[in-house]
Amino acid sequence: MDLSVFGVPLFALIGFSIAAYAIVGNDVIQTLGTFLASNAKRSWILLWGFAMAIFVAVMAYGWFFNGGDIAFGRLNSIPYPENGVQWWHVLPAVALLFLTKFGIPVSTTFLVLTIFTLTGGSATEGVLGDILLKSLMGYVVAFAAGAVVFLVIARVFEKWVFKTRDQNLSPVWYVAQWGATAFLWSQWLMQDLANIFVFLPRETIVAADGSVSVTFSLGLVVFATVLMIGLHAIMFAIRGGEIQKIVLSKTNTVDVRSATVVDLIFGLVLLYFKEMNDVPMSTTWVFLGLLAGRELAISYVASLRNRGEAMADVTKDAARAGVGLAVSVILAVGLPFLATGIAPNLQEQMFGPSAAPVERVVDMPAAPGASGTASGQP
């Protein structure tokens, strides 16, 4: 009999807890990093209370108005493992803890969800490929959005921000920045809560039209909400940890005005992809794409940063994301093989089942005395 705590299998509970802590430390900083940086003089308790109010509202909305699905459809194509969560499902979340410790901004979507998609059998064929394609699209769209917007505004706006960074600002900017943060934070939660809740048991409902939806028990939702509120308190108290250095290394990100623009663009890109379909995607790649486009545009137009330095910074961030993807695939293929001796079929899990071979009809010479010919001619 599998060990369980409060009705939740032990490995599922361990995986959920580790993933929640690691994702809060690594992924959340994408959305709240500029918020923390631009409000560094304010009490972390105030900032934490504001962010948690939005978090609780999103969780409540998901459960009460979204049919109990606080993953917002992102787990519709990733069913709960038939044999439950195993130790090999948990280890990628442990790896995420170590990567976060060294300040590597890996995609938690790939690191956590990859092993569930590669070991899901026929139910998840092609899902990982869909996630990868959508994430690449997210990077490109965010890069383009950041580049275009800041090519237009950087020469005037970012120079103005840079020159007046030590002056007292109008309260309107803080209201705008907190509003942009609330919008971005809610969109990020709807995208990435699936990376945490993938470990927890859920009921899958298949409608008559073939559509799939999932629902979580209220008890699990309440438990998860309380746990994550506590984990966020730690992150706010330490002001983001190692990952926060990525945000601080970018031009003007500690200024509330630049932070407002970045958060608004990021939130709009996430909203666009959220409405596109319910396939999960890497918000880390979207975030890095946005920062890359912005940083290069600022270096070329506003000359607030050396171009070579900006290019090196962007390349380093992209390389870190690539490392995270490589680690994700290696763990997702290697761990199940070590445990069961069976490696996932990477091609089918990435691209779906291969097309059935086409039967070829070979014309044979007609038997003696048979009417007609092999070619069908009289």
Protein backbone atom coordinates (compact mmCIF):
# COMPACT_ATOMS: atom_id res chain seq x y z
CA MET A 1 0.00 0.00 0.00
CA ASP A 2 1.33 3.43 -0.92
CA LEU A 3 2.04 5.77 1.97
CA SER A 4 -0.13 8.87 2.02
CA VAL A 5 -0.57 12.03 4.06
CA PHE A 6 -4.04 13.55 4.32
CA GLY A 7 -5.07 11.24 1.51
CA VAL A 8 -2.29 12.45 -0.80
CA PRO A 9 0.34 9.85 -1.85
CA LEU A 10 3.68 10.55 -0.17
CA PHE A 11 5.73 11.06 -3.35
CA ALA A 12 3.01 13.33 -4.73
CA LEU A 13 3.12 15.46 -1.59
CA ILE A 14 6.92 15.60 -1.58
CA GLY A 15 7.02 16.49 -5.27
CA PHE A 16 4.38 19.16 -4.84
CA SER A 17 6.15 20.75 -1.86
CA ILE A 18 9.59 20.78 -3.52
CA ALA A 19 8.18 22.06 -6.82
CA ALA A 20 6.26 24.80 -5.03
CA TYR A 21 9.38 26.00 -3.20
CA ALA A 22 11.64 25.75 -6.27
CA ILE A 23 9.18 27.41 -8.62
CA VAL A 24 8.57 30.24 -6.18
CA GLY A 25 12.34 30.75 -5.98
CA ASN A 26 13.08 30.44 -9.71
CA ASP A 27 10.02 31.24 -11.80
CA VAL A 28 8.04 33.74 -9.75
CA ILE A 29 10.86 36.26 -9.90
CA GLN A 30 10.04 36.74 -13.60
CA THR A 31 6.80 38.46 -12.69
CA LEU A 32 7.59 39.93 -9.29
CA GLY A 33 11.27 40.71 -9.88
CA THR A 34 10.71 44.18 -11.29
CA PHE A 35 8.07 44.78 -8.61
CA LEU A 36 10.57 43.95 -5.86
CA ALA A 37 13.38 45.89 -7.51
CA SER A 38 11.39 49.07 -8.08
CA ASN A 39 9.87 49.00 -4.59
CA ALA A 40 13.07 48.17 -2.72
CA LYS A 41 12.47 50.90 -0.13
CA ARG A 42 9.06 49.54 0.86
CA SER A 43 8.45 46.91 3.51
CA TRP A 44 8.54 43.39 2.13
CA ILE A 45 5.45 42.61 4.21
CA LEU A 46 3.44 45.22 2.30
CA LEU A 47 4.64 43.89 -1.06
CA TRP A 48 4.00 40.29 0.01
CA GLY A 49 0.49 41.12 1.22
CA PHE A 50 -0.38 42.77 -2.10
CA ALA A 51 0.93 39.87 -4.19
CA MET A 52 -0.78 37.28 -1.99
CA ALA A 53 -4.11 39.07 -2.28
CA ILE A 54 -3.90 38.61 -6.05
CA PHE A 55 -2.76 35.00 -5.60
CA VAL A 56 -5.70 34.10 -3.37
CA ALA A 57 -8.10 35.81 -5.79
CA VAL A 58 -6.77 33.76 -8.72
CA MET A 59 -6.97 30.51 -6.74
CA ALA A 60 -10.53 31.29 -5.67
CA TYR A 61 -11.52 32.20 -9.21
CA GLY A 62 -10.04 29.00 -10.57
CA TRP A 63 -11.86 26.79 -8.10
CA PHE A 64 -15.24 28.52 -7.88
CA PHE A 65 -15.63 29.80 -11.44
CA ASN A 66 -13.45 27.44 -13.46
CA GLY A 67 -14.99 24.15 -12.42
CA GLY A 68 -12.42 23.45 -9.70
CA ASP A 69 -9.51 23.64 -12.17
CA ILE A 70 -6.86 25.86 -10.64
CA ALA A 71 -4.45 24.75 -13.37
CA PHE A 72 -6.67 26.63 -15.88
CA GLY A 73 -6.72 23.88 -18.49
CA ARG A 74 -2.95 23.43 -18.66
CA LEU A 75 -3.21 19.84 -17.38
CA ASN A 76 -5.98 18.73 -19.73
CA SER A 77 -3.44 16.96 -21.95
CA ILE A 78 -1.26 15.69 -19.08
CA PRO A 79 -3.21 13.06 -17.13
CA TYR A 80 -2.25 11.97 -13.62
CA PRO A 81 0.18 9.01 -13.84
CA GLU A 82 -1.66 5.66 -13.93
CA ASN A 83 0.58 4.24 -11.20
CA GLY A 84 0.72 7.48 -9.24
CA VAL A 85 3.63 9.85 -8.78
CA GLN A 86 6.93 7.96 -8.44
CA TRP A 87 10.32 9.01 -7.15
CA TRP A 88 11.54 9.77 -10.66
CA HIS A 89 8.80 12.37 -11.06
CA VAL A 90 10.14 14.16 -7.99
CA LEU A 91 13.85 14.36 -8.82
CA PRO A 92 13.54 17.04 -11.56
CA ALA A 93 12.02 19.35 -8.93
CA VAL A 94 15.03 18.61 -6.71
CA ALA A 95 17.31 19.50 -9.64
CA LEU A 96 15.41 22.76 -9.94
CA LEU A 97 16.33 23.59 -6.34
CA PHE A 98 20.04 23.26 -7.13
CA LEU A 99 19.79 25.26 -10.36
CA THR A 100 17.94 28.01 -8.50
CA LYS A 101 20.69 28.03 -5.87
CA PHE A 102 23.18 28.96 -8.61
CA GLY A 103 20.90 31.60 -10.12
CA ILE A 104 20.17 29.73 -13.35
CA PRO A 105 16.78 30.86 -14.79
CA VAL A 106 15.63 27.49 -16.11
CA SER A 107 12.16 26.84 -17.43
CA THR A 108 10.20 25.14 -14.68
CA THR A 109 7.64 24.14 -17.29
CA PHE A 110 10.22 21.98 -19.08
CA LEU A 111 12.03 20.80 -15.97
CA VAL A 112 8.90 19.68 -14.13
CA LEU A 113 6.41 18.78 -16.86
CA THR A 114 8.77 17.04 -19.28
CA ILE A 115 8.98 13.84 -17.26
CA PHE A 116 5.18 13.69 -16.97
CA THR A 117 4.77 14.10 -20.73
CA LEU A 118 7.51 11.65 -21.71
CA THR A 119 6.21 8.92 -19.37
CA GLY A 120 2.51 9.38 -20.08
CA GLY A 121 2.36 6.83 -22.88
CA SER A 122 -0.11 7.29 -25.72
CA ALA A 123 -2.10 9.84 -23.70
CA THR A 124 0.71 12.41 -23.95
CA GLU A 125 2.17 11.69 -27.38
CA GLY A 126 3.18 14.93 -29.05
CA VAL A 127 2.47 17.07 -25.97
CA LEU A 128 6.12 17.91 -25.28
CA GLY A 129 6.59 18.99 -28.90
CA ASP A 130 3.56 21.28 -28.58
CA ILE A 131 4.99 22.78 -25.39
CA LEU A 132 8.38 23.35 -27.02
CA LEU A 133 6.87 24.93 -30.15
CA LYS A 134 4.62 27.25 -28.13
CA SER A 135 7.53 28.26 -25.89
CA LEU A 136 9.73 29.07 -28.90
CA MET A 137 6.90 31.15 -30.33
CA GLY A 138 6.62 32.87 -26.96
CA TYR A 139 10.31 33.79 -26.99
CA VAL A 140 10.13 35.15 -30.54
CA VAL A 141 6.94 37.15 -29.94
CA ALA A 142 8.22 38.57 -26.65
CA PHE A 143 11.61 39.42 -28.21
CA ALA A 144 9.87 41.21 -31.07
CA ALA A 145 7.50 43.05 -28.73
CA GLY A 146 10.35 44.18 -26.48
CA ALA A 147 12.50 45.24 -29.42
CA VAL A 148 9.78 47.15 -31.27
CA VAL A 149 8.37 48.96 -28.23
CA PHE A 150 11.75 50.03 -26.91
CA LEU A 151 13.12 50.95 -30.32
CA VAL A 152 10.27 53.45 -30.42
CA ILE A 153 10.39 54.77 -26.84
CA ALA A 154 13.94 54.13 -25.60
CA ARG A 155 15.55 57.23 -27.13
CA VAL A 156 13.25 59.53 -25.16
CA PHE A 157 11.64 57.44 -22.41
CA GLU A 158 14.59 55.40 -21.13
CA LYS A 159 16.96 58.37 -21.31
CA TRP A 160 14.44 60.41 -19.33
CA VAL A 161 14.15 57.59 -16.78
CA PHE A 162 17.94 57.35 -16.53
CA LYS A 163 18.45 61.08 -16.06
CA THR A 164 15.66 61.48 -13.46
CA ARG A 165 16.12 58.20 -11.60
CA ASP A 166 16.97 59.89 -8.30
CA GLN A 167 14.05 62.33 -8.34
CA ASN A 168 10.78 61.96 -6.49
CA LEU A 169 8.13 60.49 -8.76
CA SER A 170 4.43 61.14 -9.03
CA PRO A 171 2.28 58.63 -7.10
CA VAL A 172 0.57 57.92 -10.43
CA TRP A 173 3.59 55.88 -11.51
CA TYR A 174 3.38 53.66 -8.44
CA VAL A 175 -0.32 53.10 -8.96
CA ALA A 176 0.38 52.18 -12.60
CA GLN A 177 3.22 49.84 -11.64
CA TRP A 178 1.21 48.03 -8.98
CA GLY A 179 -1.68 47.70 -11.42
CA ALA A 180 0.63 46.30 -14.11
CA THR A 181 2.07 43.88 -11.56
CA ALA A 182 -1.39 42.66 -10.56
CA PHE A 183 -2.27 42.05 -14.22
CA LEU A 184 1.00 40.27 -15.01
CA TRP A 185 0.96 38.24 -11.79
CA SER A 186 -2.55 36.93 -12.48
CA GLN A 187 -1.65 35.94 -16.05
CA TRP A 188 1.51 34.18 -14.90
CA LEU A 189 -0.37 32.21 -12.25
CA MET A 190 -2.91 30.99 -14.81
CA GLN A 191 -0.02 29.76 -16.96
CA ASP A 192 2.32 28.24 -14.40
CA LEU A 193 0.24 26.85 -11.54
CA ALA A 194 0.07 23.65 -13.61
CA ASN A 195 3.80 23.11 -12.95
CA ILE A 196 3.04 22.72 -9.25
CA PHE A 197 -0.37 21.05 -9.28
CA VAL A 198 0.73 18.38 -11.77
CA PHE A 199 1.85 16.36 -8.73
CA LEU A 200 -1.54 16.35 -6.99
CA PRO A 201 -4.39 13.89 -7.60
CA ARG A 202 -7.21 15.28 -9.71
CA GLU A 203 -10.41 14.13 -11.32
CA THR A 204 -10.41 14.05 -15.11
CA ILE A 205 -13.74 14.62 -16.83
CA VAL A 206 -14.30 13.72 -20.48
CA ALA A 207 -17.38 15.40 -21.97
CA ALA A 208 -19.63 13.90 -24.63
CA ASP A 209 -17.90 16.01 -27.30
CA GLY A 210 -14.51 14.61 -26.30
CA SER A 211 -13.29 17.71 -24.48
CA VAL A 212 -11.29 17.12 -21.31
CA SER A 213 -11.29 19.04 -18.05
CA VAL A 214 -9.82 18.43 -14.61
CA THR A 215 -10.91 19.38 -11.11
CA PHE A 216 -9.12 19.42 -7.76
CA SER A 217 -10.62 18.87 -4.33
CA LEU A 218 -11.24 21.95 -2.21
CA GLY A 219 -9.08 20.52 0.59
CA LEU A 220 -6.05 20.26 -1.69
CA VAL A 221 -6.60 23.77 -3.01
CA VAL A 222 -6.77 25.23 0.52
CA PHE A 223 -3.65 23.30 1.58
CA ALA A 224 -1.74 24.43 -1.52
CA THR A 225 -2.80 28.04 -1.03
CA VAL A 226 -1.60 28.16 2.58
CA LEU A 227 1.71 26.48 1.72
CA MET A 228 2.48 28.81 -1.18
CA ILE A 229 1.60 31.92 0.82
CA GLY A 230 4.24 30.85 3.33
CA LEU A 231 6.82 30.12 0.63
CA HIS A 232 6.25 33.50 -0.96
CA ALA A 233 6.87 35.15 2.41
CA ILE A 234 10.37 33.66 2.38
CA MET A 235 11.05 34.90 -1.16
CA PHE A 236 9.83 38.43 -0.38
CA ALA A 237 11.83 38.54 2.85
CA ILE A 238 15.09 37.75 1.00
CA ARG A 239 14.11 40.07 -1.88
CA GLY A 240 14.19 37.40 -4.59
CA GLY A 241 17.48 35.60 -3.98
CA GLU A 242 19.98 34.71 -6.72
CA ILE A 243 17.53 34.84 -9.65
CA GLN A 244 16.78 38.48 -8.83
CA LYS A 245 20.28 39.38 -10.05
CA ILE A 246 19.11 38.78 -13.64
CA VAL A 247 16.50 41.51 -13.25
CA LEU A 248 18.91 43.86 -11.49
CA SER A 249 21.50 43.46 -14.28
CA LYS A 250 19.18 45.01 -16.87
CA THR A 251 18.95 48.71 -17.70
CA ASN A 252 16.64 50.83 -15.50
CA THR A 253 14.73 47.84 -14.11
CA VAL A 254 14.92 49.23 -10.58
CA ASP A 255 12.94 52.28 -11.74
CA VAL A 256 9.19 52.06 -11.30
CA ARG A 257 8.53 53.62 -14.72
CA SER A 258 10.56 51.11 -16.73
CA ALA A 259 9.24 48.29 -14.57
CA THR A 260 5.68 49.31 -15.41
CA VAL A 261 6.30 49.08 -19.15
CA VAL A 262 8.11 45.73 -18.88
CA ASP A 263 5.36 44.20 -16.73
CA LEU A 264 2.61 45.43 -19.03
CA ILE A 265 4.22 44.00 -22.17
CA PHE A 266 4.98 40.70 -20.43
CA GLY A 267 1.41 40.41 -19.19
CA LEU A 268 -0.06 41.12 -22.62
CA VAL A 269 2.14 38.47 -24.26
CA LEU A 270 1.09 35.88 -21.65
CA LEU A 271 -2.57 36.82 -22.12
CA TYR A 272 -2.25 36.32 -25.88
CA PHE A 273 -0.77 32.85 -25.52
CA LYS A 274 -3.16 31.90 -22.70
CA GLU A 275 -6.11 32.56 -24.97
CA MET A 276 -4.48 30.76 -27.91
CA ASN A 277 -4.90 27.24 -26.45
CA ASP A 278 -4.50 25.30 -23.21
CA VAL A 279 -1.04 23.88 -24.02
CA PRO A 280 1.45 24.77 -21.25
CA MET A 281 4.37 26.99 -22.19
CA SER A 282 7.60 28.25 -20.69
CA THR A 283 7.02 31.70 -19.23
CA THR A 284 10.77 31.82 -18.52
CA TRP A 285 11.47 31.83 -22.24
CA VAL A 286 8.90 34.58 -22.75
CA PHE A 287 10.51 36.63 -19.99
CA LEU A 288 14.05 36.17 -21.33
CA GLY A 289 12.87 36.98 -24.86
CA LEU A 290 11.28 40.21 -23.68
CA LEU A 291 14.36 41.27 -21.73
CA ALA A 292 16.60 40.37 -24.69
CA GLY A 293 14.64 42.45 -27.19
CA ARG A 294 14.41 45.35 -24.75
CA GLU A 295 18.08 45.31 -23.77
CA LEU A 296 19.34 45.21 -27.35
CA ALA A 297 16.96 47.97 -28.42
CA ILE A 298 18.08 50.20 -25.54
CA SER A 299 21.76 49.58 -26.28
CA TYR A 300 21.35 50.46 -29.97
CA VAL A 301 18.95 53.40 -29.68
CA ALA A 302 19.54 55.02 -26.30
CA SER A 303 23.21 54.03 -25.87
CA LEU A 304 22.68 53.52 -22.14
CA ARG A 305 24.66 50.31 -22.29
CA ASN A 306 27.54 49.00 -24.34
CA ARG A 307 26.20 46.96 -27.28
CA GLY A 308 28.70 44.18 -26.88
CA GLU A 309 27.93 43.92 -23.17
CA ALA A 310 24.20 43.80 -23.88
CA MET A 311 24.66 41.08 -26.51
CA ALA A 312 26.82 39.03 -24.13
CA ASP A 313 24.20 39.37 -21.39
CA VAL A 314 21.39 38.26 -23.71
CA THR A 315 23.44 35.33 -25.01
CA LYS A 316 24.27 34.19 -21.48
CA ASP A 317 20.59 34.21 -20.48
CA ALA A 318 19.64 32.20 -23.58
CA ALA A 319 22.43 29.70 -22.89
CA ARG A 320 21.15 29.21 -19.34
CA ALA A 321 17.67 28.51 -20.69
CA GLY A 322 19.17 25.98 -23.11
CA VAL A 323 20.97 24.25 -20.25
CA GLY A 324 17.69 23.95 -18.40
CA LEU A 325 16.00 22.36 -21.42
CA ALA A 326 18.84 19.88 -21.89
CA VAL A 327 18.74 18.90 -18.22
CA SER A 328 14.97 18.47 -18.45
CA VAL A 329 15.15 16.02 -21.35
CA ILE A 330 18.09 14.08 -19.89
CA LEU A 331 16.29 13.61 -16.57
CA ALA A 332 12.96 12.77 -18.22
CA VAL A 333 14.54 10.06 -20.37
CA GLY A 334 17.19 8.78 -17.98
CA LEU A 335 15.31 8.51 -14.68
CA PRO A 336 12.45 6.28 -15.90
CA PHE A 337 15.02 4.11 -17.69
CA LEU A 338 17.03 3.68 -14.49
CA ALA A 339 13.89 2.79 -12.57
CA THR A 340 12.12 0.51 -15.05
CA GLY A 341 14.67 -0.36 -17.73
CA ILE A 342 12.35 1.17 -20.34
CA ALA A 343 13.21 4.49 -21.97
CA PRO A 344 10.42 6.73 -23.31
CA ASN A 345 10.08 6.89 -27.08
CA LEU A 346 11.41 10.42 -27.44
CA GLN A 347 10.35 10.82 -31.08
CA GLU A 348 6.73 9.84 -30.50
CA GLN A 349 6.45 11.79 -27.27
CA MET A 350 7.87 14.86 -28.94
CA PHE A 351 6.13 14.74 -32.30
CA GLY A 352 3.27 12.27 -31.85
CA PRO A 353 2.90 8.81 -33.38
CA SER A 354 4.55 8.40 -36.74
CA ALA A 355 2.26 8.10 -39.70
CA ALA A 356 1.16 4.58 -40.57
CA PRO A 357 3.11 3.15 -43.52
CA VAL A 358 1.33 3.47 -46.82
CA GLU A 359 0.56 0.12 -48.40
CA ARG A 360 2.02 -0.19 -51.85
CA VAL A 361 0.13 -2.19 -54.46
CA VAL A 362 2.53 -4.06 -56.71
CA ASP A 363 1.18 -5.08 -60.11
CA MET A 364 1.72 -8.75 -60.83
CA PRO A 365 1.68 -10.40 -64.23
CA ALA A 366 -1.70 -11.90 -65.06
CA ALA A 367 -2.00 -15.67 -64.76
CA PRO A 368 -2.16 -17.62 -68.04
CA GLY A 369 -5.66 -17.65 -69.44
CA ALA A 370 -6.85 -14.79 -67.23
CA SER A 371 -8.76 -12.03 -68.93
CA GLY A 372 -7.24 -8.61 -69.04
CA THR A 373 -3.70 -7.62 -68.09
CA ALA A 374 -1.92 -6.55 -64.96
CA SER A 375 -2.22 -2.92 -65.91
CA GLY A 376 -5.97 -3.20 -66.26
CA GLN A 377 -5.96 -2.76 -70.01
CA PRO A 378 -8.28 -5.00 -72.03
